[in-house]
Amino acid sequence: MKQFIEFLKNHVMTLLVAMTIALVTIITLFIINSNLSVRIKTLESLNEQQNRELSAKTETIDALTAEKEALIKKIAQTAAENDAQMAAQKEAMAVLEKQLNNSFTVPDYVLTGLKTHGYADVKQFLETLSTQNDLIPIKGVLGGTMKWWPSYSVVLNEKYVFGYFEDGHILGYALLEYAFDQNNTLTWKIIDVFTD
């Protein structure tokens, strides 16, 4: 035992240093463990928050996906309705084209004659009716003024025009005769009138 006491006396410093190192190591490990526990709790809390955000975003994505599918259905339905309308309009156009093909057209010789008198087309020629409102033998009513409507009038041949006139209250039609003199001056004369 003397030897052990002697050993302790000789190595007290070494033992104190070793015990101090052991104590510091234990305290350090305890602190590290505490810090790791706090960090683990923080990470778990962060993980829970991210899971909640992910869940919310997943719900938003699901809602947007449902909305997108509803819009796709609506677009498909609208496209089908538009196709149906287009088909109906094509049918109506075909009917109108058929009617147009069966409608009255000014003979080529009449167009050629109008061009020799300086009128590029029937529309330009009929516009001259606008200056002939005084030829209308019917007076306007309720403050209206009778006037020709060239866009609703028709050149029948090289001598006659079917004219349309109105004052906004009553309307009428006239068979007009037109002629050009030696000076290429256009004259109009009413042959007959009919009113509605």
N, C-alpha and C. Protein backbone atom coordinates (compact mmCIF):
# COMPACT_ATOMS: atom_id res chain seq x y z
N MET A 1 0.82 -1.16 0.00
CA MET A 1 0.00 0.00 0.00
C MET A 1 0.88 1.24 0.00
N LYS A 2 2.04 1.12 0.62
CA LYS A 2 2.98 2.23 0.60
C LYS A 2 3.33 2.57 -0.83
N GLN A 3 3.47 1.58 -1.55
CA GLN A 3 3.86 1.82 -2.95
C GLN A 3 2.72 2.54 -3.69
N PHE A 4 1.50 2.18 -3.37
CA PHE A 4 0.36 2.79 -4.05
C PHE A 4 0.26 4.26 -3.67
N ILE A 5 0.44 4.56 -2.40
CA ILE A 5 0.40 5.94 -1.94
C ILE A 5 1.54 6.70 -2.57
N GLU A 6 2.68 6.05 -2.61
CA GLU A 6 3.85 6.70 -3.22
C GLU A 6 3.54 6.97 -4.69
N PHE A 7 2.91 6.01 -5.32
CA PHE A 7 2.57 6.17 -6.75
C PHE A 7 1.60 7.34 -6.93
N LEU A 8 0.66 7.42 -6.01
CA LEU A 8 -0.33 8.49 -6.10
C LEU A 8 0.35 9.84 -5.89
N LYS A 9 1.27 9.91 -4.96
CA LYS A 9 1.96 11.17 -4.72
C LYS A 9 2.73 11.59 -5.96
N ASN A 10 3.36 10.64 -6.53
CA ASN A 10 4.18 10.97 -7.71
C ASN A 10 3.30 11.31 -8.93
N HIS A 11 2.13 10.74 -8.97
CA HIS A 11 1.32 10.93 -10.19
C HIS A 11 0.04 11.70 -9.93
N VAL A 12 -0.05 12.45 -8.86
CA VAL A 12 -1.23 13.23 -8.54
C VAL A 12 -1.53 14.22 -9.66
N MET A 13 -0.56 14.90 -10.12
CA MET A 13 -0.77 15.89 -11.18
C MET A 13 -1.30 15.22 -12.43
N THR A 14 -0.72 14.12 -12.74
CA THR A 14 -1.14 13.42 -13.95
C THR A 14 -2.57 12.94 -13.80
N LEU A 15 -2.89 12.44 -12.58
CA LEU A 15 -4.25 11.97 -12.36
C LEU A 15 -5.23 13.14 -12.39
N LEU A 16 -4.85 14.27 -11.80
CA LEU A 16 -5.72 15.45 -11.83
C LEU A 16 -5.96 15.92 -13.26
N VAL A 17 -4.91 15.93 -14.03
CA VAL A 17 -5.04 16.35 -15.44
C VAL A 17 -5.95 15.38 -16.17
N ALA A 18 -5.75 14.08 -15.91
CA ALA A 18 -6.55 13.05 -16.58
C ALA A 18 -8.00 13.18 -16.16
N MET A 19 -8.25 13.42 -14.85
CA MET A 19 -9.62 13.57 -14.39
C MET A 19 -10.25 14.85 -14.96
N THR A 20 -9.44 15.91 -15.01
CA THR A 20 -9.95 17.17 -15.58
C THR A 20 -10.30 16.96 -17.05
N ILE A 21 -9.43 16.28 -17.78
CA ILE A 21 -9.70 16.02 -19.21
C ILE A 21 -10.96 15.17 -19.34
N ALA A 22 -11.10 14.18 -18.45
CA ALA A 22 -12.27 13.31 -18.51
C ALA A 22 -13.52 14.12 -18.21
N LEU A 23 -13.43 15.00 -17.18
CA LEU A 23 -14.58 15.82 -16.82
C LEU A 23 -14.94 16.79 -17.94
N VAL A 24 -13.94 17.44 -18.52
CA VAL A 24 -14.18 18.36 -19.65
C VAL A 24 -14.79 17.60 -20.80
N THR A 25 -14.30 16.41 -21.07
CA THR A 25 -14.83 15.60 -22.18
C THR A 25 -16.29 15.26 -21.92
N ILE A 26 -16.60 14.87 -20.68
CA ILE A 26 -17.99 14.52 -20.35
C ILE A 26 -18.89 15.73 -20.49
N ILE A 27 -18.43 16.89 -19.98
CA ILE A 27 -19.24 18.12 -20.08
C ILE A 27 -19.42 18.50 -21.54
N THR A 28 -18.34 18.39 -22.33
CA THR A 28 -18.41 18.72 -23.77
C THR A 28 -19.40 17.81 -24.47
N LEU A 29 -19.33 16.52 -24.16
CA LEU A 29 -20.24 15.56 -24.79
C LEU A 29 -21.69 15.86 -24.39
N PHE A 30 -21.89 16.27 -23.13
CA PHE A 30 -23.22 16.61 -22.66
C PHE A 30 -23.76 17.83 -23.41
N ILE A 31 -22.90 18.85 -23.56
CA ILE A 31 -23.30 20.07 -24.29
C ILE A 31 -23.61 19.74 -25.75
N ILE A 32 -22.73 18.92 -26.36
CA ILE A 32 -22.95 18.53 -27.77
C ILE A 32 -24.26 17.77 -27.89
N ASN A 33 -24.52 16.88 -26.94
CA ASN A 33 -25.77 16.11 -26.96
C ASN A 33 -26.97 17.03 -26.83
N SER A 34 -26.88 18.02 -25.91
CA SER A 34 -27.98 18.98 -25.73
C SER A 34 -28.21 19.77 -27.01
N ASN A 35 -27.10 20.24 -27.60
CA ASN A 35 -27.21 21.02 -28.85
C ASN A 35 -27.82 20.16 -29.96
N LEU A 36 -27.39 18.92 -30.02
CA LEU A 36 -27.94 18.03 -31.06
C LEU A 36 -29.42 17.79 -30.82
N SER A 37 -29.84 17.67 -29.57
CA SER A 37 -31.26 17.46 -29.27
C SER A 37 -32.08 18.68 -29.71
N VAL A 38 -31.54 19.90 -29.40
CA VAL A 38 -32.23 21.13 -29.82
C VAL A 38 -32.31 21.19 -31.34
N ARG A 39 -31.21 20.87 -32.02
CA ARG A 39 -31.19 20.91 -33.49
C ARG A 39 -32.15 19.88 -34.08
N ILE A 40 -32.21 18.70 -33.45
CA ILE A 40 -33.13 17.67 -33.94
C ILE A 40 -34.57 18.15 -33.79
N LYS A 41 -34.90 18.76 -32.63
CA LYS A 41 -36.25 19.29 -32.43
C LYS A 41 -36.57 20.40 -33.45
N THR A 42 -35.58 21.27 -33.69
CA THR A 42 -35.77 22.34 -34.68
C THR A 42 -36.01 21.75 -36.06
N LEU A 43 -35.21 20.75 -36.43
CA LEU A 43 -35.37 20.11 -37.74
C LEU A 43 -36.71 19.39 -37.83
N GLU A 44 -37.13 18.75 -36.73
CA GLU A 44 -38.44 18.09 -36.75
C GLU A 44 -39.56 19.11 -36.93
N SER A 45 -39.45 20.25 -36.22
CA SER A 45 -40.44 21.32 -36.35
C SER A 45 -40.45 21.86 -37.78
N LEU A 46 -39.26 22.08 -38.35
CA LEU A 46 -39.15 22.57 -39.73
C LEU A 46 -39.73 21.55 -40.70
N ASN A 47 -39.48 20.27 -40.44
CA ASN A 47 -40.00 19.20 -41.28
C ASN A 47 -41.53 19.18 -41.24
N GLU A 48 -42.11 19.36 -40.04
CA GLU A 48 -43.57 19.41 -39.91
C GLU A 48 -44.14 20.60 -40.68
N GLN A 49 -43.48 21.75 -40.56
CA GLN A 49 -43.94 22.95 -41.27
C GLN A 49 -43.88 22.72 -42.78
N GLN A 50 -42.79 22.13 -43.25
CA GLN A 50 -42.66 21.86 -44.69
C GLN A 50 -43.71 20.85 -45.15
N ASN A 51 -44.02 19.88 -44.30
CA ASN A 51 -45.06 18.91 -44.64
C ASN A 51 -46.42 19.59 -44.75
N ARG A 52 -46.70 20.54 -43.82
CA ARG A 52 -47.96 21.29 -43.90
C ARG A 52 -48.02 22.12 -45.20
N GLU A 53 -46.90 22.82 -45.50
CA GLU A 53 -46.85 23.61 -46.74
C GLU A 53 -47.01 22.73 -47.96
N LEU A 54 -46.36 21.56 -47.94
CA LEU A 54 -46.48 20.62 -49.06
C LEU A 54 -47.91 20.15 -49.22
N SER A 55 -48.56 19.89 -48.09
CA SER A 55 -49.95 19.46 -48.12
C SER A 55 -50.84 20.56 -48.70
N ALA A 56 -50.61 21.81 -48.27
CA ALA A 56 -51.38 22.94 -48.80
C ALA A 56 -51.15 23.12 -50.29
N LYS A 57 -49.88 22.99 -50.71
CA LYS A 57 -49.57 23.14 -52.14
C LYS A 57 -50.17 21.99 -52.95
N THR A 58 -50.19 20.80 -52.37
CA THR A 58 -50.80 19.66 -53.05
C THR A 58 -52.30 19.91 -53.24
N GLU A 59 -52.95 20.45 -52.20
CA GLU A 59 -54.37 20.78 -52.33
C GLU A 59 -54.59 21.83 -53.41
N THR A 60 -53.71 22.85 -53.45
CA THR A 60 -53.82 23.90 -54.48
C THR A 60 -53.65 23.29 -55.87
N ILE A 61 -52.65 22.40 -56.00
CA ILE A 61 -52.41 21.74 -57.30
C ILE A 61 -53.62 20.92 -57.70
N ASP A 62 -54.21 20.20 -56.74
CA ASP A 62 -55.40 19.40 -57.04
C ASP A 62 -56.56 20.29 -57.48
N ALA A 63 -56.73 21.42 -56.78
CA ALA A 63 -57.81 22.35 -57.16
C ALA A 63 -57.57 22.93 -58.56
N LEU A 64 -56.31 23.30 -58.83
CA LEU A 64 -55.98 23.85 -60.16
C LEU A 64 -56.14 22.80 -61.25
N THR A 65 -55.80 21.56 -60.94
CA THR A 65 -55.97 20.48 -61.91
C THR A 65 -57.45 20.28 -62.22
N ALA A 66 -58.29 20.31 -61.17
CA ALA A 66 -59.73 20.17 -61.39
C ALA A 66 -60.26 21.33 -62.22
N GLU A 67 -59.78 22.54 -61.92
CA GLU A 67 -60.20 23.73 -62.68
C GLU A 67 -59.76 23.61 -64.14
N LYS A 68 -58.52 23.14 -64.34
CA LYS A 68 -58.01 22.96 -65.70
C LYS A 68 -58.86 21.97 -66.48
N GLU A 69 -59.22 20.86 -65.84
CA GLU A 69 -60.04 19.85 -66.51
C GLU A 69 -61.42 20.41 -66.84
N ALA A 70 -61.97 21.22 -65.92
CA ALA A 70 -63.27 21.84 -66.20
C ALA A 70 -63.17 22.80 -67.38
N LEU A 71 -62.06 23.57 -67.43
CA LEU A 71 -61.86 24.51 -68.55
C LEU A 71 -61.67 23.76 -69.87
N ILE A 72 -60.96 22.64 -69.82
CA ILE A 72 -60.77 21.84 -71.05
C ILE A 72 -62.12 21.34 -71.55
N LYS A 73 -62.98 20.88 -70.61
CA LYS A 73 -64.31 20.42 -71.01
C LYS A 73 -65.11 21.57 -71.62
N LYS A 74 -65.01 22.75 -70.97
CA LYS A 74 -65.74 23.91 -71.48
C LYS A 74 -65.24 24.32 -72.86
N ILE A 75 -63.91 24.28 -73.05
CA ILE A 75 -63.35 24.61 -74.36
C ILE A 75 -63.84 23.62 -75.41
N ALA A 76 -63.84 22.34 -75.04
CA ALA A 76 -64.30 21.31 -75.99
C ALA A 76 -65.77 21.53 -76.33
N GLN A 77 -66.57 21.87 -75.32
CA GLN A 77 -67.99 22.12 -75.55
C GLN A 77 -68.17 23.35 -76.44
N THR A 78 -67.41 24.42 -76.14
CA THR A 78 -67.49 25.64 -76.94
C THR A 78 -67.06 25.38 -78.38
N ALA A 79 -66.00 24.58 -78.54
CA ALA A 79 -65.54 24.24 -79.88
C ALA A 79 -66.63 23.48 -80.64
N ALA A 80 -67.29 22.55 -79.95
CA ALA A 80 -68.37 21.80 -80.60
C ALA A 80 -69.51 22.73 -80.99
N GLU A 81 -69.86 23.66 -80.07
CA GLU A 81 -70.92 24.63 -80.38
C GLU A 81 -70.51 25.52 -81.55
N ASN A 82 -69.25 25.96 -81.56
CA ASN A 82 -68.76 26.79 -82.68
C ASN A 82 -68.79 26.03 -83.99
N ASP A 83 -68.41 24.75 -83.93
CA ASP A 83 -68.47 23.93 -85.14
C ASP A 83 -69.90 23.83 -85.66
N ALA A 84 -70.84 23.65 -84.73
CA ALA A 84 -72.25 23.57 -85.13
C ALA A 84 -72.71 24.89 -85.74
N GLN A 85 -72.30 26.02 -85.11
CA GLN A 85 -72.67 27.33 -85.64
C GLN A 85 -72.04 27.55 -87.02
N MET A 86 -70.78 27.14 -87.15
CA MET A 86 -70.10 27.29 -88.45
C MET A 86 -70.83 26.47 -89.53
N ALA A 87 -71.24 25.25 -89.16
CA ALA A 87 -71.96 24.42 -90.13
C ALA A 87 -73.27 25.08 -90.52
N ALA A 88 -73.98 25.64 -89.52
CA ALA A 88 -75.24 26.33 -89.82
C ALA A 88 -75.00 27.55 -90.69
N GLN A 89 -73.92 28.29 -90.41
CA GLN A 89 -73.60 29.47 -91.22
C GLN A 89 -73.20 29.07 -92.63
N LYS A 90 -72.49 27.95 -92.76
CA LYS A 90 -72.12 27.48 -94.11
C LYS A 90 -73.37 27.12 -94.90
N GLU A 91 -74.33 26.49 -94.22
CA GLU A 91 -75.58 26.15 -94.89
C GLU A 91 -76.31 27.43 -95.31
N ALA A 92 -76.34 28.41 -94.40
CA ALA A 92 -77.00 29.68 -94.72
C ALA A 92 -76.30 30.38 -95.88
N MET A 93 -74.95 30.32 -95.88
CA MET A 93 -74.19 30.91 -96.98
C MET A 93 -74.51 30.22 -98.30
N ALA A 94 -74.63 28.89 -98.24
CA ALA A 94 -74.96 28.15 -99.46
C ALA A 94 -76.32 28.58 -99.99
N VAL A 95 -77.28 28.77 -99.08
CA VAL A 95 -78.62 29.22 -99.49
C VAL A 95 -78.53 30.61 -100.11
N LEU A 96 -77.77 31.51 -99.44
CA LEU A 96 -77.62 32.87 -99.96
C LEU A 96 -76.92 32.88 -101.32
N GLU A 97 -75.89 32.04 -101.46
CA GLU A 97 -75.20 31.97 -102.75
C GLU A 97 -76.14 31.48 -103.84
N LYS A 98 -76.99 30.51 -103.49
CA LYS A 98 -77.95 30.01 -104.46
C LYS A 98 -78.93 31.12 -104.84
N GLN A 99 -79.39 31.88 -103.82
CA GLN A 99 -80.29 32.99 -104.11
C GLN A 99 -79.60 34.04 -104.95
N LEU A 100 -78.32 34.31 -104.63
CA LEU A 100 -77.57 35.30 -105.40
C LEU A 100 -77.41 34.85 -106.84
N ASN A 101 -77.15 33.57 -107.04
CA ASN A 101 -77.00 33.05 -108.40
C ASN A 101 -78.30 33.15 -109.17
N ASN A 102 -79.42 33.09 -108.45
CA ASN A 102 -80.72 33.19 -109.11
C ASN A 102 -81.23 34.63 -109.19
N SER A 103 -80.50 35.59 -108.59
CA SER A 103 -80.97 36.97 -108.58
C SER A 103 -80.63 37.65 -109.91
N PHE A 104 -81.20 38.83 -110.06
CA PHE A 104 -81.02 39.59 -111.29
C PHE A 104 -79.61 40.16 -111.36
N THR A 105 -78.98 40.03 -112.49
CA THR A 105 -77.68 40.66 -112.72
C THR A 105 -77.78 41.55 -113.94
N VAL A 106 -77.06 42.65 -113.91
CA VAL A 106 -77.08 43.61 -115.01
C VAL A 106 -76.32 42.99 -116.19
N PRO A 107 -76.92 42.98 -117.37
CA PRO A 107 -76.24 42.41 -118.54
C PRO A 107 -74.93 43.16 -118.85
N ASP A 108 -73.99 42.44 -119.41
CA ASP A 108 -72.67 43.01 -119.71
C ASP A 108 -72.76 44.20 -120.66
N TYR A 109 -73.65 44.14 -121.64
CA TYR A 109 -73.74 45.25 -122.60
C TYR A 109 -74.20 46.54 -121.91
N VAL A 110 -75.02 46.40 -120.84
CA VAL A 110 -75.45 47.59 -120.10
C VAL A 110 -74.26 48.17 -119.34
N LEU A 111 -73.46 47.30 -118.70
CA LEU A 111 -72.27 47.76 -117.98
C LEU A 111 -71.30 48.45 -118.93
N THR A 112 -71.13 47.88 -120.12
CA THR A 112 -70.24 48.48 -121.11
C THR A 112 -70.75 49.86 -121.51
N GLY A 113 -72.08 49.98 -121.71
CA GLY A 113 -72.67 51.26 -122.07
C GLY A 113 -72.47 52.30 -120.97
N LEU A 114 -72.63 51.91 -119.71
CA LEU A 114 -72.43 52.84 -118.61
C LEU A 114 -70.97 53.30 -118.54
N LYS A 115 -70.06 52.38 -118.82
CA LYS A 115 -68.64 52.73 -118.79
C LYS A 115 -68.30 53.73 -119.89
N THR A 116 -68.94 53.60 -121.05
CA THR A 116 -68.67 54.55 -122.13
C THR A 116 -69.15 55.95 -121.76
N HIS A 117 -70.10 56.04 -120.82
CA HIS A 117 -70.59 57.34 -120.36
C HIS A 117 -69.89 57.81 -119.09
N GLY A 118 -68.82 57.10 -118.69
CA GLY A 118 -67.99 57.56 -117.58
C GLY A 118 -68.32 56.97 -116.21
N TYR A 119 -69.13 55.91 -116.15
CA TYR A 119 -69.46 55.30 -114.86
C TYR A 119 -68.72 53.97 -114.74
N ALA A 120 -67.91 53.85 -113.70
CA ALA A 120 -67.08 52.66 -113.52
C ALA A 120 -67.90 51.41 -113.23
N ASP A 121 -69.03 51.60 -112.55
CA ASP A 121 -69.87 50.45 -112.22
C ASP A 121 -71.30 50.92 -111.97
N VAL A 122 -72.18 49.97 -111.72
CA VAL A 122 -73.59 50.26 -111.50
C VAL A 122 -73.78 51.12 -110.24
N LYS A 123 -73.02 50.84 -109.22
CA LYS A 123 -73.15 51.59 -107.96
C LYS A 123 -72.89 53.08 -108.20
N GLN A 124 -71.83 53.40 -108.93
CA GLN A 124 -71.50 54.79 -109.21
C GLN A 124 -72.63 55.44 -110.02
N PHE A 125 -73.16 54.70 -110.98
CA PHE A 125 -74.25 55.23 -111.81
C PHE A 125 -75.49 55.51 -110.95
N LEU A 126 -75.87 54.54 -110.08
CA LEU A 126 -77.07 54.71 -109.27
C LEU A 126 -76.92 55.83 -108.24
N GLU A 127 -75.70 56.16 -107.86
CA GLU A 127 -75.48 57.26 -106.91
C GLU A 127 -76.00 58.58 -107.47
N THR A 128 -76.11 58.69 -108.80
CA THR A 128 -76.62 59.94 -109.39
C THR A 128 -78.09 60.16 -109.02
N LEU A 129 -78.79 59.10 -108.62
CA LEU A 129 -80.17 59.26 -108.16
C LEU A 129 -80.26 60.17 -106.94
N SER A 130 -79.19 60.20 -106.14
CA SER A 130 -79.18 61.02 -104.92
C SER A 130 -79.43 62.49 -105.21
N THR A 131 -79.10 62.92 -106.43
CA THR A 131 -79.30 64.33 -106.80
C THR A 131 -80.66 64.55 -107.46
N GLN A 132 -81.48 63.52 -107.54
CA GLN A 132 -82.76 63.61 -108.25
C GLN A 132 -83.97 63.46 -107.32
N ASN A 133 -83.81 63.84 -106.05
CA ASN A 133 -84.90 63.68 -105.08
C ASN A 133 -86.14 64.50 -105.46
N ASP A 134 -85.94 65.58 -106.21
CA ASP A 134 -87.09 66.40 -106.61
C ASP A 134 -87.99 65.69 -107.61
N LEU A 135 -87.54 64.59 -108.22
CA LEU A 135 -88.38 63.81 -109.14
C LEU A 135 -89.44 63.00 -108.41
N ILE A 136 -89.24 62.73 -107.13
CA ILE A 136 -90.17 61.88 -106.39
C ILE A 136 -91.50 62.63 -106.25
N PRO A 137 -92.59 62.08 -106.79
CA PRO A 137 -93.87 62.81 -106.81
C PRO A 137 -94.64 62.74 -105.49
N ILE A 138 -94.12 62.05 -104.51
CA ILE A 138 -94.82 61.91 -103.23
C ILE A 138 -94.06 62.71 -102.17
N LYS A 139 -94.80 63.45 -101.37
CA LYS A 139 -94.19 64.27 -100.33
C LYS A 139 -93.99 63.45 -99.06
N GLY A 140 -92.96 63.80 -98.30
CA GLY A 140 -92.70 63.13 -97.03
C GLY A 140 -93.75 63.48 -95.99
N VAL A 141 -93.87 62.64 -94.96
CA VAL A 141 -94.84 62.88 -93.89
C VAL A 141 -94.10 63.01 -92.56
N LEU A 142 -94.77 63.63 -91.61
CA LEU A 142 -94.24 63.79 -90.25
C LEU A 142 -92.85 64.40 -90.24
N GLY A 143 -92.62 65.35 -91.11
CA GLY A 143 -91.33 66.05 -91.16
C GLY A 143 -90.26 65.32 -91.94
N GLY A 144 -90.58 64.16 -92.51
CA GLY A 144 -89.60 63.41 -93.29
C GLY A 144 -89.43 63.97 -94.68
N THR A 145 -88.29 63.71 -95.28
CA THR A 145 -88.01 64.16 -96.65
C THR A 145 -87.78 62.94 -97.51
N MET A 146 -88.50 62.85 -98.61
CA MET A 146 -88.33 61.73 -99.51
C MET A 146 -86.97 61.80 -100.20
N LYS A 147 -86.32 60.66 -100.28
CA LYS A 147 -85.05 60.62 -101.01
C LYS A 147 -84.84 59.22 -101.58
N TRP A 148 -84.07 59.18 -102.66
CA TRP A 148 -83.73 57.91 -103.30
C TRP A 148 -82.67 57.17 -102.47
N TRP A 149 -82.74 55.86 -102.51
CA TRP A 149 -81.76 55.00 -101.85
C TRP A 149 -81.08 54.17 -102.94
N PRO A 150 -79.97 54.67 -103.48
CA PRO A 150 -79.30 53.98 -104.59
C PRO A 150 -78.91 52.53 -104.26
N SER A 151 -78.57 52.26 -103.01
CA SER A 151 -78.12 50.91 -102.68
C SER A 151 -79.27 49.90 -102.75
N TYR A 152 -80.53 50.39 -102.74
CA TYR A 152 -81.69 49.49 -102.86
C TYR A 152 -82.34 49.59 -104.24
N SER A 153 -81.72 50.30 -105.14
CA SER A 153 -82.24 50.46 -106.50
C SER A 153 -81.51 49.51 -107.44
N VAL A 154 -82.13 49.25 -108.62
CA VAL A 154 -81.58 48.25 -109.55
C VAL A 154 -81.64 48.79 -110.98
N VAL A 155 -80.50 48.65 -111.68
CA VAL A 155 -80.48 48.96 -113.11
C VAL A 155 -81.07 47.74 -113.83
N LEU A 156 -82.16 47.94 -114.58
CA LEU A 156 -82.82 46.83 -115.25
C LEU A 156 -82.21 46.54 -116.63
N ASN A 157 -81.95 47.61 -117.39
CA ASN A 157 -81.36 47.45 -118.72
C ASN A 157 -80.77 48.78 -119.16
N GLU A 158 -80.55 48.96 -120.46
CA GLU A 158 -79.92 50.17 -120.94
C GLU A 158 -80.86 51.38 -120.96
N LYS A 159 -82.11 51.20 -120.46
CA LYS A 159 -83.08 52.29 -120.51
C LYS A 159 -83.80 52.53 -119.18
N TYR A 160 -83.94 51.48 -118.34
CA TYR A 160 -84.77 51.59 -117.16
C TYR A 160 -84.03 51.22 -115.87
N VAL A 161 -84.50 51.90 -114.79
CA VAL A 161 -84.00 51.63 -113.43
C VAL A 161 -85.20 51.44 -112.53
N PHE A 162 -85.12 50.45 -111.64
CA PHE A 162 -86.12 50.26 -110.61
C PHE A 162 -85.59 50.97 -109.37
N GLY A 163 -86.23 52.11 -108.99
CA GLY A 163 -85.73 52.93 -107.90
C GLY A 163 -86.51 52.76 -106.61
N TYR A 164 -85.81 52.87 -105.48
CA TYR A 164 -86.41 52.77 -104.15
C TYR A 164 -86.26 54.11 -103.46
N PHE A 165 -87.36 54.61 -102.86
CA PHE A 165 -87.29 55.87 -102.11
C PHE A 165 -88.09 55.74 -100.82
N GLU A 166 -87.74 56.61 -99.85
CA GLU A 166 -88.48 56.65 -98.58
C GLU A 166 -88.14 57.93 -97.83
N ASP A 167 -88.96 58.20 -96.79
CA ASP A 167 -88.70 59.37 -95.93
C ASP A 167 -88.51 58.95 -94.48
N GLY A 168 -88.43 57.66 -94.23
CA GLY A 168 -88.31 57.16 -92.87
C GLY A 168 -89.64 56.73 -92.30
N HIS A 169 -90.74 57.09 -93.00
CA HIS A 169 -92.07 56.72 -92.52
C HIS A 169 -92.81 55.90 -93.58
N ILE A 170 -92.77 56.37 -94.80
CA ILE A 170 -93.38 55.61 -95.90
C ILE A 170 -92.32 55.39 -96.96
N LEU A 171 -92.52 54.34 -97.74
CA LEU A 171 -91.55 54.03 -98.78
C LEU A 171 -92.27 53.79 -100.11
N GLY A 172 -91.50 53.86 -101.17
CA GLY A 172 -92.08 53.65 -102.49
C GLY A 172 -91.06 53.17 -103.49
N TYR A 173 -91.59 52.78 -104.64
CA TYR A 173 -90.77 52.29 -105.75
C TYR A 173 -91.18 53.04 -107.00
N ALA A 174 -90.22 53.18 -107.90
CA ALA A 174 -90.53 53.88 -109.15
C ALA A 174 -89.81 53.20 -110.30
N LEU A 175 -90.47 53.18 -111.43
CA LEU A 175 -89.81 52.76 -112.67
C LEU A 175 -89.34 54.05 -113.31
N LEU A 176 -88.00 54.18 -113.46
CA LEU A 176 -87.42 55.40 -114.03
C LEU A 176 -86.81 55.08 -115.39
N GLU A 177 -86.92 56.05 -116.25
CA GLU A 177 -86.24 55.94 -117.55
C GLU A 177 -85.05 56.90 -117.50
N TYR A 178 -83.92 56.43 -118.01
CA TYR A 178 -82.74 57.30 -118.06
C TYR A 178 -82.22 57.34 -119.48
N ALA A 179 -81.55 58.47 -119.81
CA ALA A 179 -81.01 58.63 -121.16
C ALA A 179 -79.83 59.59 -121.10
N PHE A 180 -78.95 59.47 -122.09
CA PHE A 180 -77.81 60.38 -122.24
C PHE A 180 -78.00 61.15 -123.54
N ASP A 181 -77.84 62.49 -123.50
CA ASP A 181 -77.95 63.26 -124.74
C ASP A 181 -76.60 63.35 -125.44
N GLN A 182 -76.51 64.18 -126.51
CA GLN A 182 -75.28 64.29 -127.30
C GLN A 182 -74.11 64.80 -126.46
N ASN A 183 -74.38 65.56 -125.42
CA ASN A 183 -73.32 66.11 -124.56
C ASN A 183 -72.98 65.16 -123.39
N ASN A 184 -73.53 63.94 -123.45
CA ASN A 184 -73.30 62.93 -122.42
C ASN A 184 -73.93 63.33 -121.08
N THR A 185 -74.98 64.18 -121.14
CA THR A 185 -75.69 64.59 -119.93
C THR A 185 -76.77 63.57 -119.63
N LEU A 186 -76.83 63.13 -118.38
CA LEU A 186 -77.79 62.12 -117.94
C LEU A 186 -79.09 62.80 -117.55
N THR A 187 -80.21 62.28 -118.07
CA THR A 187 -81.53 62.79 -117.69
C THR A 187 -82.37 61.63 -117.17
N TRP A 188 -83.24 61.95 -116.20
CA TRP A 188 -84.10 60.95 -115.57
C TRP A 188 -85.56 61.35 -115.78
N LYS A 189 -86.42 60.33 -115.91
CA LYS A 189 -87.85 60.58 -116.06
C LYS A 189 -88.59 59.44 -115.37
N ILE A 190 -89.60 59.78 -114.53
CA ILE A 190 -90.37 58.74 -113.85
C ILE A 190 -91.47 58.25 -114.78
N ILE A 191 -91.57 56.92 -114.91
CA ILE A 191 -92.60 56.29 -115.74
C ILE A 191 -93.79 55.90 -114.86
N ASP A 192 -93.51 55.30 -113.69
CA ASP A 192 -94.61 54.86 -112.81
C ASP A 192 -94.10 54.82 -111.38
N VAL A 193 -95.04 54.95 -110.40
CA VAL A 193 -94.68 54.98 -108.98
C VAL A 193 -95.65 54.07 -108.22
N PHE A 194 -95.10 53.41 -107.21
CA PHE A 194 -95.91 52.57 -106.31
C PHE A 194 -95.43 52.82 -104.89
N THR A 195 -96.38 52.99 -103.94
CA THR A 195 -95.98 53.20 -102.53
C THR A 195 -96.60 52.12 -101.66
N ASP A 196 -95.89 51.84 -100.56
CA ASP A 196 -96.39 50.88 -99.57
C ASP A 196 -97.13 51.65 -98.50
